[in-house]
Structures are given as structure tokens and as C-alpha cells.
Amino acid sequence: MTAIEQTEAARPRGTRLPRRARRNQLLGAAQEVFVAQGYHAAAMDDIAERAGVSKPVLYQHFPGKLDLYLALLDQHCESLLQAVRTALASTTDNKLRVAATMDAYFAYVQDEGGAFRLVFESDLTNEPAVRERVDRVSLQCAEAISDVIAGDTGLSKEESMLLAVGLGGVSQVVARYWLSSGSAIPRDNAVQLLTSLAWRGIAGFPLHGVDGH
């Protein structure tokens, strides 16, 4: 059960929950409010009301609005990183690996909870703690992609990282455009188109120590 689903299940005020379940419920409520309103317009009153708890209960778990936002950001940055790592490890066929990695970004953006907006479209990127987390997950995703590129092509660490940053950046920017434009192209087709574009470039680097691609 997701945090937002726990929010729906536990919203009536006065329900007693185990501490972990309550924390997840509060995170789900906060996500709904932050995604809908942005950080600056959101208020702890709104989040408490959304969760069906009193403000003192909310403050028992999170000392302030920024703490709550950072907890959500940590959760969803980790989700993105794990999705990318899982995609990279899902196959040894490099074209399928590119497609799986790009689809991981599309799936992340398409998730109905809208958590990607906290990571890629935050209105709080001037806050150092937020900027550090966003930059870190982008770097970690790029490093995961770079390790595969370097291992398969024999390119230097610096060259592989440059390509990885490009692939990750294209994936998330196009996925966000696809969603914001109404997803007129089915996700599978969109991923296939983007994979074809990326593969034309990446396939130009011969496999290290292996004939062919």
C-alpha cells in the first residue's frame, strides 16, 4: 500500500495508527498537498486536515514543513534511483537496456501521485538541502548509467559520464513533456521512439573486447 493509499484508508480524525503507519499516512497527505499547491503555498494546517489529524500529531512526526518536504524528497529520490538501477540490471541486451531505463523515467513521471514534481519541478530549488538532494539523485542515476557504458564500451570514466548525463537528462525531460502534452502517444510508443533516437547514437560505440554490437 502506498503512502497516499494509507492516507485515504486512515483519513478519519482520531484513528490510532502504529507510528510507522502514521508517518506514511502523513507523508501521503503531504505529497498530495505539495504536488497540488507547491511548497510555498502549502501549509501545515492543510496537510493535517488532509491527513485527518491535529497539528500537534503532525508536529510529533515532523518538526516543520521543510522537514516533511525533505522526507518526501528522500523517499522519491530513492524510488527513482532504484527504478533506474533495476532497469539497467533487467537485461544484458543493450538496446533493451536503453529502452528499460528510459521507460523507468516515463513510469516515474506517469505515477498518479505526481511525486516527480517534487524532484524535477520543485519550487524550492533555492533551498540548499533540496538542491543537494535533487543534484545527488541526478548524479547517482548518471553514475549507474555511466558504469554500464564504461564497462561495455571501454570509454573513459569522463566520456561515459558525459553520455550518461545526456541519456538521463533526455529521458526525464522528454517524459515530462510527454505527460504535460497530454500523453497523446501511448507510453510504449513514446519510449520506443526515444530509444530509437538514443540507440542510433550509443550503438555507434563498439562493445569493448567484443565484435559487433
N, C-alpha and C. Protein backbone atom coordinates (compact mmCIF):
# COMPACT_ATOMS: atom_id res chain seq x y z
N MET A 1 0.84 -1.20 0.00
CA MET A 1 0.00 0.00 0.00
C MET A 1 0.88 1.25 0.00
N THR A 2 0.61 2.18 -0.92
CA THR A 2 1.40 3.39 -0.99
C THR A 2 1.04 4.34 0.13
N ALA A 3 1.88 5.39 0.31
CA ALA A 3 1.62 6.37 1.36
C ALA A 3 0.29 7.08 1.11
N ILE A 4 -0.01 7.38 -0.16
CA ILE A 4 -1.26 8.07 -0.46
C ILE A 4 -2.45 7.15 -0.20
N GLU A 5 -2.32 5.87 -0.52
CA GLU A 5 -3.39 4.93 -0.22
C GLU A 5 -3.60 4.80 1.28
N GLN A 6 -2.52 4.86 2.05
CA GLN A 6 -2.65 4.82 3.50
C GLN A 6 -3.35 6.08 4.00
N THR A 7 -3.11 7.19 3.34
CA THR A 7 -3.80 8.42 3.71
C THR A 7 -5.30 8.25 3.53
N GLU A 8 -5.70 7.70 2.39
CA GLU A 8 -7.12 7.50 2.12
C GLU A 8 -7.74 6.54 3.14
N ALA A 9 -7.00 5.49 3.48
CA ALA A 9 -7.54 4.48 4.39
C ALA A 9 -7.64 4.98 5.82
N ALA A 10 -6.79 5.93 6.17
CA ALA A 10 -6.71 6.33 7.57
C ALA A 10 -7.10 7.77 7.82
N ARG A 11 -7.81 8.39 6.87
CA ARG A 11 -8.07 9.81 6.98
C ARG A 11 -9.01 10.21 8.12
N PRO A 12 -10.01 9.42 8.53
CA PRO A 12 -10.89 9.88 9.60
C PRO A 12 -10.12 10.28 10.85
N ARG A 13 -10.43 11.46 11.36
CA ARG A 13 -9.72 12.00 12.51
C ARG A 13 -9.95 11.11 13.73
N GLY A 14 -8.88 10.94 14.50
CA GLY A 14 -8.98 10.21 15.76
C GLY A 14 -8.56 8.76 15.66
N THR A 15 -8.35 8.24 14.46
CA THR A 15 -7.92 6.86 14.30
C THR A 15 -6.50 6.71 14.81
N ARG A 16 -6.26 5.71 15.65
CA ARG A 16 -4.91 5.48 16.17
C ARG A 16 -4.19 4.49 15.26
N LEU A 17 -2.98 4.86 14.88
CA LEU A 17 -2.18 4.02 14.00
C LEU A 17 -0.82 3.78 14.61
N PRO A 18 -0.16 2.66 14.29
CA PRO A 18 1.24 2.49 14.68
C PRO A 18 2.08 3.64 14.13
N ARG A 19 3.18 3.94 14.77
CA ARG A 19 3.96 5.12 14.41
C ARG A 19 4.41 5.11 12.94
N ARG A 20 4.87 3.97 12.46
CA ARG A 20 5.32 3.91 11.08
C ARG A 20 4.17 4.14 10.11
N ALA A 21 3.02 3.53 10.40
CA ALA A 21 1.86 3.71 9.54
C ALA A 21 1.39 5.16 9.56
N ARG A 22 1.43 5.78 10.74
CA ARG A 22 1.04 7.19 10.84
C ARG A 22 1.99 8.06 10.03
N ARG A 23 3.29 7.79 10.12
CA ARG A 23 4.26 8.58 9.38
C ARG A 23 4.01 8.45 7.87
N ASN A 24 3.76 7.22 7.41
CA ASN A 24 3.48 7.02 5.99
C ASN A 24 2.20 7.73 5.57
N GLN A 25 1.21 7.72 6.44
CA GLN A 25 -0.05 8.40 6.16
C GLN A 25 0.18 9.90 6.02
N LEU A 26 0.98 10.47 6.93
CA LEU A 26 1.27 11.90 6.89
C LEU A 26 2.07 12.26 5.64
N LEU A 27 3.00 11.40 5.26
CA LEU A 27 3.76 11.64 4.04
C LEU A 27 2.85 11.61 2.82
N GLY A 28 1.90 10.70 2.80
CA GLY A 28 0.96 10.64 1.69
C GLY A 28 0.12 11.90 1.60
N ALA A 29 -0.36 12.39 2.75
CA ALA A 29 -1.15 13.61 2.76
C ALA A 29 -0.30 14.81 2.31
N ALA A 30 0.94 14.85 2.80
CA ALA A 30 1.83 15.95 2.43
C ALA A 30 2.12 15.93 0.93
N GLN A 31 2.32 14.75 0.38
CA GLN A 31 2.57 14.66 -1.06
C GLN A 31 1.41 15.23 -1.86
N GLU A 32 0.21 14.89 -1.48
CA GLU A 32 -0.97 15.40 -2.18
C GLU A 32 -0.99 16.93 -2.14
N VAL A 33 -0.70 17.49 -0.98
CA VAL A 33 -0.77 18.94 -0.82
C VAL A 33 0.38 19.63 -1.54
N PHE A 34 1.60 19.11 -1.39
CA PHE A 34 2.75 19.74 -2.03
C PHE A 34 2.65 19.66 -3.55
N VAL A 35 2.20 18.54 -4.08
CA VAL A 35 2.08 18.40 -5.53
C VAL A 35 1.01 19.36 -6.07
N ALA A 36 -0.08 19.48 -5.33
CA ALA A 36 -1.18 20.33 -5.80
C ALA A 36 -0.88 21.82 -5.64
N GLN A 37 -0.21 22.20 -4.56
CA GLN A 37 -0.06 23.61 -4.23
C GLN A 37 1.37 24.14 -4.34
N GLY A 38 2.36 23.26 -4.36
CA GLY A 38 3.73 23.70 -4.28
C GLY A 38 4.12 23.91 -2.83
N TYR A 39 5.42 24.00 -2.59
CA TYR A 39 5.89 24.12 -1.20
C TYR A 39 5.43 25.42 -0.56
N HIS A 40 5.60 26.52 -1.24
CA HIS A 40 5.37 27.82 -0.62
C HIS A 40 3.90 28.06 -0.28
N ALA A 41 3.00 27.58 -1.11
CA ALA A 41 1.58 27.79 -0.86
C ALA A 41 0.99 26.79 0.13
N ALA A 42 1.68 25.67 0.31
CA ALA A 42 1.18 24.64 1.23
C ALA A 42 1.37 25.07 2.68
N ALA A 43 0.43 24.68 3.52
CA ALA A 43 0.52 24.99 4.95
C ALA A 43 0.38 23.70 5.75
N MET A 44 1.00 23.69 6.91
CA MET A 44 0.90 22.51 7.77
C MET A 44 -0.56 22.26 8.16
N ASP A 45 -1.35 23.32 8.27
CA ASP A 45 -2.79 23.16 8.54
C ASP A 45 -3.45 22.33 7.44
N ASP A 46 -3.08 22.63 6.18
CA ASP A 46 -3.66 21.91 5.04
C ASP A 46 -3.30 20.43 5.11
N ILE A 47 -2.04 20.16 5.46
CA ILE A 47 -1.57 18.78 5.49
C ILE A 47 -2.24 18.01 6.62
N ALA A 48 -2.34 18.64 7.78
CA ALA A 48 -3.01 17.98 8.91
C ALA A 48 -4.47 17.70 8.58
N GLU A 49 -5.12 18.67 7.96
CA GLU A 49 -6.52 18.48 7.58
C GLU A 49 -6.66 17.36 6.55
N ARG A 50 -5.75 17.36 5.59
CA ARG A 50 -5.79 16.32 4.56
C ARG A 50 -5.61 14.93 5.17
N ALA A 51 -4.75 14.84 6.19
CA ALA A 51 -4.48 13.56 6.84
C ALA A 51 -5.54 13.18 7.86
N GLY A 52 -6.36 14.17 8.26
CA GLY A 52 -7.37 13.91 9.28
C GLY A 52 -6.80 13.81 10.67
N VAL A 53 -5.72 14.59 10.93
CA VAL A 53 -5.10 14.60 12.26
C VAL A 53 -4.99 16.04 12.74
N SER A 54 -4.68 16.19 14.01
CA SER A 54 -4.45 17.52 14.56
C SER A 54 -3.02 17.97 14.22
N LYS A 55 -2.79 19.27 14.27
CA LYS A 55 -1.44 19.77 14.01
C LYS A 55 -0.42 19.23 15.02
N PRO A 56 -0.76 19.11 16.32
CA PRO A 56 0.21 18.53 17.25
C PRO A 56 0.65 17.12 16.85
N VAL A 57 -0.25 16.32 16.32
CA VAL A 57 0.12 14.98 15.86
C VAL A 57 1.10 15.09 14.70
N LEU A 58 0.84 16.00 13.77
CA LEU A 58 1.73 16.20 12.64
C LEU A 58 3.12 16.62 13.11
N TYR A 59 3.16 17.54 14.07
CA TYR A 59 4.45 18.04 14.57
C TYR A 59 5.19 17.01 15.42
N GLN A 60 4.49 16.02 15.92
CA GLN A 60 5.16 14.94 16.64
C GLN A 60 6.08 14.15 15.70
N HIS A 61 5.70 14.09 14.45
CA HIS A 61 6.46 13.32 13.47
C HIS A 61 7.42 14.18 12.67
N PHE A 62 7.05 15.41 12.40
CA PHE A 62 7.87 16.30 11.58
C PHE A 62 7.90 17.68 12.23
N PRO A 63 9.08 18.14 12.67
CA PRO A 63 9.18 19.42 13.39
C PRO A 63 8.73 20.63 12.58
N GLY A 64 8.80 20.54 11.25
CA GLY A 64 8.42 21.68 10.43
C GLY A 64 8.12 21.27 9.01
N LYS A 65 7.65 22.22 8.22
CA LYS A 65 7.26 21.94 6.84
C LYS A 65 8.44 21.48 6.00
N LEU A 66 9.61 22.09 6.20
CA LEU A 66 10.78 21.70 5.42
C LEU A 66 11.20 20.26 5.74
N ASP A 67 11.14 19.89 7.01
CA ASP A 67 11.48 18.52 7.39
C ASP A 67 10.57 17.52 6.67
N LEU A 68 9.31 17.85 6.59
CA LEU A 68 8.34 16.99 5.92
C LEU A 68 8.63 16.90 4.43
N TYR A 69 8.93 18.03 3.84
CA TYR A 69 9.24 18.07 2.41
C TYR A 69 10.50 17.26 2.10
N LEU A 70 11.52 17.41 2.93
CA LEU A 70 12.77 16.69 2.71
C LEU A 70 12.59 15.19 2.88
N ALA A 71 11.76 14.79 3.81
CA ALA A 71 11.48 13.36 3.99
C ALA A 71 10.83 12.78 2.75
N LEU A 72 9.90 13.53 2.18
CA LEU A 72 9.26 13.10 0.93
C LEU A 72 10.26 13.05 -0.22
N LEU A 73 11.09 14.06 -0.28
CA LEU A 73 12.08 14.14 -1.35
C LEU A 73 13.05 12.96 -1.27
N ASP A 74 13.50 12.65 -0.06
CA ASP A 74 14.39 11.50 0.13
C ASP A 74 13.72 10.21 -0.36
N GLN A 75 12.47 10.04 -0.02
CA GLN A 75 11.73 8.84 -0.40
C GLN A 75 11.62 8.70 -1.91
N HIS A 76 11.29 9.79 -2.58
CA HIS A 76 11.04 9.70 -4.01
C HIS A 76 12.31 9.78 -4.84
N CYS A 77 13.35 10.39 -4.33
CA CYS A 77 14.66 10.31 -5.00
C CYS A 77 15.16 8.87 -4.97
N GLU A 78 15.01 8.21 -3.84
CA GLU A 78 15.43 6.82 -3.72
C GLU A 78 14.62 5.93 -4.66
N SER A 79 13.32 6.21 -4.80
CA SER A 79 12.48 5.42 -5.71
C SER A 79 12.97 5.54 -7.15
N LEU A 80 13.33 6.75 -7.56
CA LEU A 80 13.83 6.96 -8.91
C LEU A 80 15.14 6.21 -9.12
N LEU A 81 16.05 6.34 -8.18
CA LEU A 81 17.36 5.68 -8.30
C LEU A 81 17.19 4.17 -8.40
N GLN A 82 16.36 3.60 -7.56
CA GLN A 82 16.14 2.16 -7.60
C GLN A 82 15.50 1.72 -8.91
N ALA A 83 14.60 2.54 -9.44
CA ALA A 83 13.96 2.21 -10.72
C ALA A 83 14.99 2.18 -11.85
N VAL A 84 15.90 3.14 -11.85
CA VAL A 84 16.94 3.19 -12.88
C VAL A 84 17.89 2.00 -12.74
N ARG A 85 18.30 1.71 -11.52
CA ARG A 85 19.21 0.58 -11.30
C ARG A 85 18.56 -0.74 -11.69
N THR A 86 17.28 -0.89 -11.36
CA THR A 86 16.56 -2.11 -11.72
C THR A 86 16.47 -2.26 -13.23
N ALA A 87 16.21 -1.15 -13.93
CA ALA A 87 16.12 -1.18 -15.39
C ALA A 87 17.45 -1.59 -16.01
N LEU A 88 18.53 -1.02 -15.50
CA LEU A 88 19.85 -1.33 -16.04
C LEU A 88 20.23 -2.80 -15.83
N ALA A 89 19.75 -3.36 -14.73
CA ALA A 89 20.08 -4.75 -14.40
C ALA A 89 19.10 -5.75 -15.01
N SER A 90 18.08 -5.27 -15.71
CA SER A 90 17.00 -6.15 -16.15
C SER A 90 17.36 -7.00 -17.36
N THR A 91 18.41 -6.64 -18.08
CA THR A 91 18.80 -7.36 -19.29
C THR A 91 20.25 -7.07 -19.61
N THR A 92 20.86 -7.96 -20.41
CA THR A 92 22.21 -7.71 -20.90
C THR A 92 22.19 -7.25 -22.36
N ASP A 93 21.01 -7.20 -22.95
CA ASP A 93 20.86 -6.68 -24.30
C ASP A 93 20.84 -5.16 -24.21
N ASN A 94 21.81 -4.52 -24.81
CA ASN A 94 21.99 -3.08 -24.59
C ASN A 94 20.86 -2.23 -25.14
N LYS A 95 20.29 -2.61 -26.27
CA LYS A 95 19.16 -1.82 -26.79
C LYS A 95 17.97 -1.94 -25.86
N LEU A 96 17.71 -3.14 -25.36
CA LEU A 96 16.61 -3.33 -24.41
C LEU A 96 16.91 -2.61 -23.10
N ARG A 97 18.18 -2.55 -22.75
CA ARG A 97 18.58 -1.86 -21.53
C ARG A 97 18.32 -0.35 -21.63
N VAL A 98 18.61 0.22 -22.80
CA VAL A 98 18.31 1.64 -23.02
C VAL A 98 16.81 1.87 -22.92
N ALA A 99 16.03 0.99 -23.55
CA ALA A 99 14.57 1.13 -23.51
C ALA A 99 14.04 1.00 -22.09
N ALA A 100 14.55 0.03 -21.34
CA ALA A 100 14.08 -0.18 -19.97
C ALA A 100 14.41 1.02 -19.09
N THR A 101 15.59 1.60 -19.30
CA THR A 101 15.99 2.76 -18.50
C THR A 101 15.12 3.97 -18.83
N MET A 102 14.87 4.19 -20.08
CA MET A 102 14.01 5.31 -20.47
C MET A 102 12.58 5.09 -19.97
N ASP A 103 12.12 3.85 -20.04
CA ASP A 103 10.77 3.56 -19.54
C ASP A 103 10.69 3.78 -18.04
N ALA A 104 11.79 3.58 -17.33
CA ALA A 104 11.79 3.83 -15.88
C ALA A 104 11.48 5.30 -15.59
N TYR A 105 12.03 6.19 -16.40
CA TYR A 105 11.74 7.62 -16.24
C TYR A 105 10.28 7.92 -16.61
N PHE A 106 9.80 7.33 -17.68
CA PHE A 106 8.41 7.56 -18.08
C PHE A 106 7.45 7.05 -17.00
N ALA A 107 7.72 5.87 -16.47
CA ALA A 107 6.87 5.31 -15.42
C ALA A 107 6.89 6.18 -14.18
N TYR A 108 8.05 6.69 -13.85
CA TYR A 108 8.20 7.55 -12.67
C TYR A 108 7.39 8.83 -12.84
N VAL A 109 7.47 9.41 -14.00
CA VAL A 109 6.73 10.65 -14.28
C VAL A 109 5.23 10.39 -14.35
N GLN A 110 4.85 9.23 -14.85
CA GLN A 110 3.43 8.93 -15.04
C GLN A 110 2.73 8.54 -13.75
N ASP A 111 3.48 8.20 -12.72
CA ASP A 111 2.87 7.76 -11.46
C ASP A 111 1.82 8.77 -11.00
N GLU A 112 0.64 8.27 -10.66
CA GLU A 112 -0.50 9.16 -10.39
C GLU A 112 -0.30 10.06 -9.17
N GLY A 113 0.64 9.73 -8.32
CA GLY A 113 0.89 10.57 -7.16
C GLY A 113 1.60 11.88 -7.48
N GLY A 114 2.19 11.95 -8.69
CA GLY A 114 2.85 13.19 -9.11
C GLY A 114 4.13 13.50 -8.36
N ALA A 115 4.76 12.48 -7.76
CA ALA A 115 5.96 12.74 -6.95
C ALA A 115 7.10 13.33 -7.77
N PHE A 116 7.12 13.06 -9.09
CA PHE A 116 8.20 13.59 -9.92
C PHE A 116 8.27 15.11 -9.84
N ARG A 117 7.13 15.75 -9.56
CA ARG A 117 7.13 17.21 -9.49
C ARG A 117 7.97 17.72 -8.32
N LEU A 118 8.06 16.92 -7.26
CA LEU A 118 8.89 17.31 -6.12
C LEU A 118 10.36 17.23 -6.47
N VAL A 119 10.71 16.30 -7.37
CA VAL A 119 12.11 16.09 -7.73
C VAL A 119 12.53 16.99 -8.89
N PHE A 120 11.73 17.01 -9.96
CA PHE A 120 12.13 17.70 -11.18
C PHE A 120 11.52 19.09 -11.35
N GLU A 121 10.46 19.41 -10.60
CA GLU A 121 9.77 20.69 -10.80
C GLU A 121 9.52 21.41 -9.48
N SER A 122 10.38 21.21 -8.53
CA SER A 122 10.20 21.81 -7.21
C SER A 122 10.28 23.33 -7.28
N ASP A 123 9.45 23.98 -6.47
CA ASP A 123 9.53 25.44 -6.35
C ASP A 123 10.43 25.84 -5.19
N LEU A 124 11.25 24.89 -4.73
CA LEU A 124 12.11 25.13 -3.56
C LEU A 124 13.58 24.83 -3.88
N THR A 125 13.96 24.90 -5.14
CA THR A 125 15.32 24.53 -5.50
C THR A 125 16.36 25.56 -5.03
N ASN A 126 15.90 26.72 -4.56
CA ASN A 126 16.84 27.68 -3.98
C ASN A 126 17.23 27.29 -2.55
N GLU A 127 16.53 26.32 -1.98
CA GLU A 127 16.86 25.80 -0.64
C GLU A 127 18.01 24.80 -0.79
N PRO A 128 19.17 25.05 -0.15
CA PRO A 128 20.35 24.18 -0.35
C PRO A 128 20.08 22.71 -0.10
N ALA A 129 19.30 22.38 0.92
CA ALA A 129 19.04 20.97 1.24
C ALA A 129 18.25 20.30 0.13
N VAL A 130 17.36 21.04 -0.51
CA VAL A 130 16.58 20.50 -1.63
C VAL A 130 17.46 20.37 -2.86
N ARG A 131 18.19 21.42 -3.18
CA ARG A 131 19.06 21.40 -4.34
C ARG A 131 20.07 20.26 -4.26
N GLU A 132 20.61 20.04 -3.05
CA GLU A 132 21.61 18.98 -2.87
C GLU A 132 21.01 17.62 -3.16
N ARG A 133 19.79 17.37 -2.72
CA ARG A 133 19.13 16.08 -2.94
C ARG A 133 18.81 15.86 -4.41
N VAL A 134 18.31 16.90 -5.06
CA VAL A 134 17.96 16.78 -6.48
C VAL A 134 19.22 16.55 -7.32
N ASP A 135 20.27 17.31 -7.03
CA ASP A 135 21.53 17.13 -7.76
C ASP A 135 22.11 15.75 -7.49
N ARG A 136 22.00 15.29 -6.25
CA ARG A 136 22.59 14.00 -5.89
C ARG A 136 21.92 12.85 -6.62
N VAL A 137 20.58 12.85 -6.68
CA VAL A 137 19.92 11.73 -7.35
C VAL A 137 20.18 11.77 -8.85
N SER A 138 20.26 12.96 -9.43
CA SER A 138 20.60 13.05 -10.85
C SER A 138 21.99 12.49 -11.10
N LEU A 139 22.93 12.80 -10.19
CA LEU A 139 24.29 12.30 -10.31
C LEU A 139 24.34 10.79 -10.12
N GLN A 140 23.61 10.28 -9.13
CA GLN A 140 23.62 8.84 -8.86
C GLN A 140 23.02 8.05 -10.03
N CYS A 141 21.95 8.56 -10.62
CA CYS A 141 21.37 7.90 -11.78
C CYS A 141 22.37 7.90 -12.94
N ALA A 142 23.02 9.04 -13.15
CA ALA A 142 24.01 9.14 -14.22
C ALA A 142 25.18 8.20 -13.97
N GLU A 143 25.60 8.09 -12.72
CA GLU A 143 26.72 7.19 -12.40
C GLU A 143 26.35 5.73 -12.69
N ALA A 144 25.11 5.37 -12.37
CA ALA A 144 24.67 4.00 -12.64
C ALA A 144 24.68 3.71 -14.14
N ILE A 145 24.20 4.66 -14.93
CA ILE A 145 24.21 4.51 -16.38
C ILE A 145 25.65 4.52 -16.91
N SER A 146 26.46 5.40 -16.36
CA SER A 146 27.85 5.54 -16.79
C SER A 146 28.65 4.26 -16.57
N ASP A 147 28.41 3.59 -15.45
CA ASP A 147 29.13 2.35 -15.16
C ASP A 147 28.88 1.30 -16.24
N VAL A 148 27.64 1.22 -16.71
CA VAL A 148 27.31 0.26 -17.77
C VAL A 148 27.97 0.66 -19.09
N ILE A 149 27.91 1.95 -19.41
CA ILE A 149 28.51 2.42 -20.65
C ILE A 149 30.02 2.16 -20.65
N ALA A 150 30.68 2.49 -19.55
CA ALA A 150 32.12 2.31 -19.46
C ALA A 150 32.49 0.84 -19.56
N GLY A 151 31.73 -0.01 -18.89
CA GLY A 151 32.03 -1.44 -18.91
C GLY A 151 31.83 -2.06 -20.28
N ASP A 152 30.87 -1.57 -21.03
CA ASP A 152 30.56 -2.15 -22.34
C ASP A 152 31.37 -1.58 -23.48
N THR A 153 31.76 -0.31 -23.35
CA THR A 153 32.43 0.35 -24.48
C THR A 153 33.93 0.56 -24.27
N GLY A 154 34.37 0.55 -23.02
CA GLY A 154 35.76 0.86 -22.75
C GLY A 154 36.07 2.35 -22.80
N LEU A 155 35.03 3.18 -22.91
CA LEU A 155 35.24 4.63 -22.86
C LEU A 155 35.73 5.03 -21.48
N SER A 156 36.37 6.16 -21.41
CA SER A 156 36.87 6.64 -20.12
C SER A 156 35.71 6.99 -19.19
N LYS A 157 36.02 7.11 -17.92
CA LYS A 157 35.01 7.48 -16.93
C LYS A 157 34.35 8.80 -17.29
N GLU A 158 35.17 9.76 -17.71
CA GLU A 158 34.66 11.09 -18.04
C GLU A 158 33.76 11.05 -19.28
N GLU A 159 34.18 10.30 -20.29
CA GLU A 159 33.39 10.19 -21.51
C GLU A 159 32.06 9.47 -21.24
N SER A 160 32.14 8.40 -20.46
CA SER A 160 30.94 7.63 -20.13
C SER A 160 29.96 8.47 -19.32
N MET A 161 30.49 9.27 -18.42
CA MET A 161 29.63 10.09 -17.58
C MET A 161 28.93 11.17 -18.41
N LEU A 162 29.63 11.72 -19.37
CA LEU A 162 29.03 12.73 -20.23
C LEU A 162 27.85 12.14 -21.01
N LEU A 163 28.04 10.95 -21.55
CA LEU A 163 26.95 10.28 -22.26
C LEU A 163 25.80 9.93 -21.32
N ALA A 164 26.13 9.48 -20.12
CA ALA A 164 25.10 9.08 -19.16
C ALA A 164 24.26 10.27 -18.71
N VAL A 165 24.89 11.40 -18.48
CA VAL A 165 24.14 12.60 -18.10
C VAL A 165 23.19 12.99 -19.23
N GLY A 166 23.68 12.86 -20.48
CA GLY A 166 22.82 13.16 -21.62
C GLY A 166 21.63 12.23 -21.72
N LEU A 167 21.84 10.93 -21.55
CA LEU A 167 20.75 9.97 -21.64
C LEU A 167 19.73 10.16 -20.53
N GLY A 168 20.22 10.37 -19.30
CA GLY A 168 19.30 10.60 -18.19
C GLY A 168 18.52 11.89 -18.33
N GLY A 169 19.23 12.94 -18.76
CA GLY A 169 18.57 14.23 -18.92
C GLY A 169 17.51 14.20 -20.01
N VAL A 170 17.84 13.60 -21.14
CA VAL A 170 16.86 13.49 -22.23
C VAL A 170 15.65 12.69 -21.76
N SER A 171 15.88 11.61 -21.04
CA SER A 171 14.79 10.75 -20.61
C SER A 171 13.79 11.49 -19.73
N GLN A 172 14.29 12.21 -18.74
CA GLN A 172 13.34 12.87 -17.82
C GLN A 172 12.69 14.09 -18.46
N VAL A 173 13.41 14.82 -19.29
CA VAL A 173 12.82 16.00 -19.94
C VAL A 173 11.73 15.58 -20.93
N VAL A 174 12.01 14.56 -21.73
CA VAL A 174 11.03 14.10 -22.71
C VAL A 174 9.83 13.46 -22.01
N ALA A 175 10.09 12.70 -20.95
CA ALA A 175 8.99 12.08 -20.20
C ALA A 175 8.06 13.13 -19.62
N ARG A 176 8.62 14.20 -19.10
CA ARG A 176 7.80 15.27 -18.54
C ARG A 176 7.02 16.00 -19.64
N TYR A 177 7.67 16.22 -20.79
CA TYR A 177 6.96 16.85 -21.91
C TYR A 177 5.81 15.95 -22.35
N TRP A 178 6.09 14.66 -22.46
CA TRP A 178 5.07 13.70 -22.89
C TRP A 178 3.85 13.76 -21.97
N LEU A 179 4.08 13.81 -20.68
CA LEU A 179 2.96 13.86 -19.74
C LEU A 179 2.22 15.19 -19.83
N SER A 180 2.96 16.29 -19.87
CA SER A 180 2.33 17.62 -19.87
C SER A 180 1.58 17.90 -21.16
N SER A 181 1.97 17.22 -22.24
CA SER A 181 1.30 17.44 -23.53
C SER A 181 0.08 16.55 -23.71
N GLY A 182 -0.26 15.80 -22.66
CA GLY A 182 -1.48 15.01 -22.70
C GLY A 182 -1.30 13.54 -23.03
N SER A 183 -0.04 13.10 -23.13
CA SER A 183 0.26 11.68 -23.39
C SER A 183 -0.50 11.14 -24.60
N ALA A 184 -0.54 11.95 -25.66
CA ALA A 184 -1.29 11.55 -26.86
C ALA A 184 -0.70 10.30 -27.49
N ILE A 185 0.61 10.14 -27.39
CA ILE A 185 1.28 8.94 -27.87
C ILE A 185 1.32 7.93 -26.73
N PRO A 186 0.89 6.70 -26.94
CA PRO A 186 0.98 5.70 -25.86
C PRO A 186 2.40 5.60 -25.31
N ARG A 187 2.50 5.33 -24.04
CA ARG A 187 3.81 5.31 -23.38
C ARG A 187 4.79 4.37 -24.07
N ASP A 188 4.37 3.18 -24.41
CA ASP A 188 5.27 2.22 -25.06
C ASP A 188 5.80 2.79 -26.37
N ASN A 189 4.94 3.45 -27.13
CA ASN A 189 5.37 4.04 -28.40
C ASN A 189 6.33 5.19 -28.17
N ALA A 190 6.05 6.01 -27.16
CA ALA A 190 6.92 7.14 -26.85
C ALA A 190 8.31 6.64 -26.45
N VAL A 191 8.34 5.62 -25.62
CA VAL A 191 9.63 5.05 -25.20
C VAL A 191 10.37 4.47 -26.39
N GLN A 192 9.65 3.79 -27.27
CA GLN A 192 10.27 3.21 -28.46
C GLN A 192 10.88 4.28 -29.36
N LEU A 193 10.17 5.38 -29.55
CA LEU A 193 10.69 6.48 -30.36
C LEU A 193 11.97 7.06 -29.76
N LEU A 194 11.92 7.31 -28.47
CA LEU A 194 13.09 7.90 -27.80
C LEU A 194 14.26 6.92 -27.78
N THR A 195 13.95 5.64 -27.59
CA THR A 195 15.00 4.62 -27.61
C THR A 195 15.67 4.56 -28.97
N SER A 196 14.87 4.65 -30.03
CA SER A 196 15.42 4.62 -31.39
C SER A 196 16.39 5.78 -31.60
N LEU A 197 16.01 6.94 -31.12
CA LEU A 197 16.88 8.11 -31.24
C LEU A 197 18.18 7.91 -30.48
N ALA A 198 18.07 7.49 -29.22
CA ALA A 198 19.26 7.31 -28.39
C ALA A 198 20.14 6.17 -28.89
N TRP A 199 19.50 5.09 -29.34
CA TRP A 199 20.27 3.93 -29.75
C TRP A 199 21.11 4.20 -31.00
N ARG A 200 20.60 5.07 -31.88
CA ARG A 200 21.37 5.43 -33.07
C ARG A 200 22.71 6.05 -32.68
N GLY A 201 22.73 6.74 -31.55
CA GLY A 201 23.98 7.34 -31.10
C GLY A 201 24.83 6.38 -30.30
N ILE A 202 24.24 5.74 -29.30
CA ILE A 202 25.01 4.90 -28.39
C ILE A 202 25.53 3.65 -29.07
N ALA A 203 24.79 3.15 -30.07
CA ALA A 203 25.22 1.94 -30.76
C ALA A 203 26.45 2.18 -31.62
N GLY A 204 26.80 3.45 -31.83
CA GLY A 204 27.99 3.77 -32.60
C GLY A 204 29.28 3.48 -31.87
N PHE A 205 29.19 3.21 -30.57
CA PHE A 205 30.37 2.88 -29.79
C PHE A 205 30.48 1.36 -29.70
N PRO A 206 31.52 0.77 -30.28
CA PRO A 206 31.62 -0.70 -30.29
C PRO A 206 31.79 -1.27 -28.89
N LEU A 207 31.25 -2.48 -28.71
CA LEU A 207 31.39 -3.15 -27.43
C LEU A 207 32.87 -3.43 -27.16
N HIS A 208 33.28 -3.22 -25.94
CA HIS A 208 34.67 -3.38 -25.54
C HIS A 208 35.05 -4.86 -25.58
N GLY A 209 36.00 -5.20 -26.45
CA GLY A 209 36.50 -6.57 -26.49
C GLY A 209 35.58 -7.57 -27.16
N VAL A 210 34.51 -7.06 -27.84
CA VAL A 210 33.56 -7.95 -28.49
C VAL A 210 33.29 -7.46 -29.90
N ASP A 211 33.24 -8.36 -30.85
CA ASP A 211 32.91 -7.97 -32.22
C ASP A 211 31.43 -7.71 -32.33
N GLY A 212 31.03 -6.66 -33.03
CA GLY A 212 29.60 -6.34 -33.23
C GLY A 212 29.04 -5.57 -32.08
N HIS A 213 27.72 -5.39 -32.06
CA HIS A 213 27.01 -4.62 -31.06
C HIS A 213 26.16 -5.53 -30.22
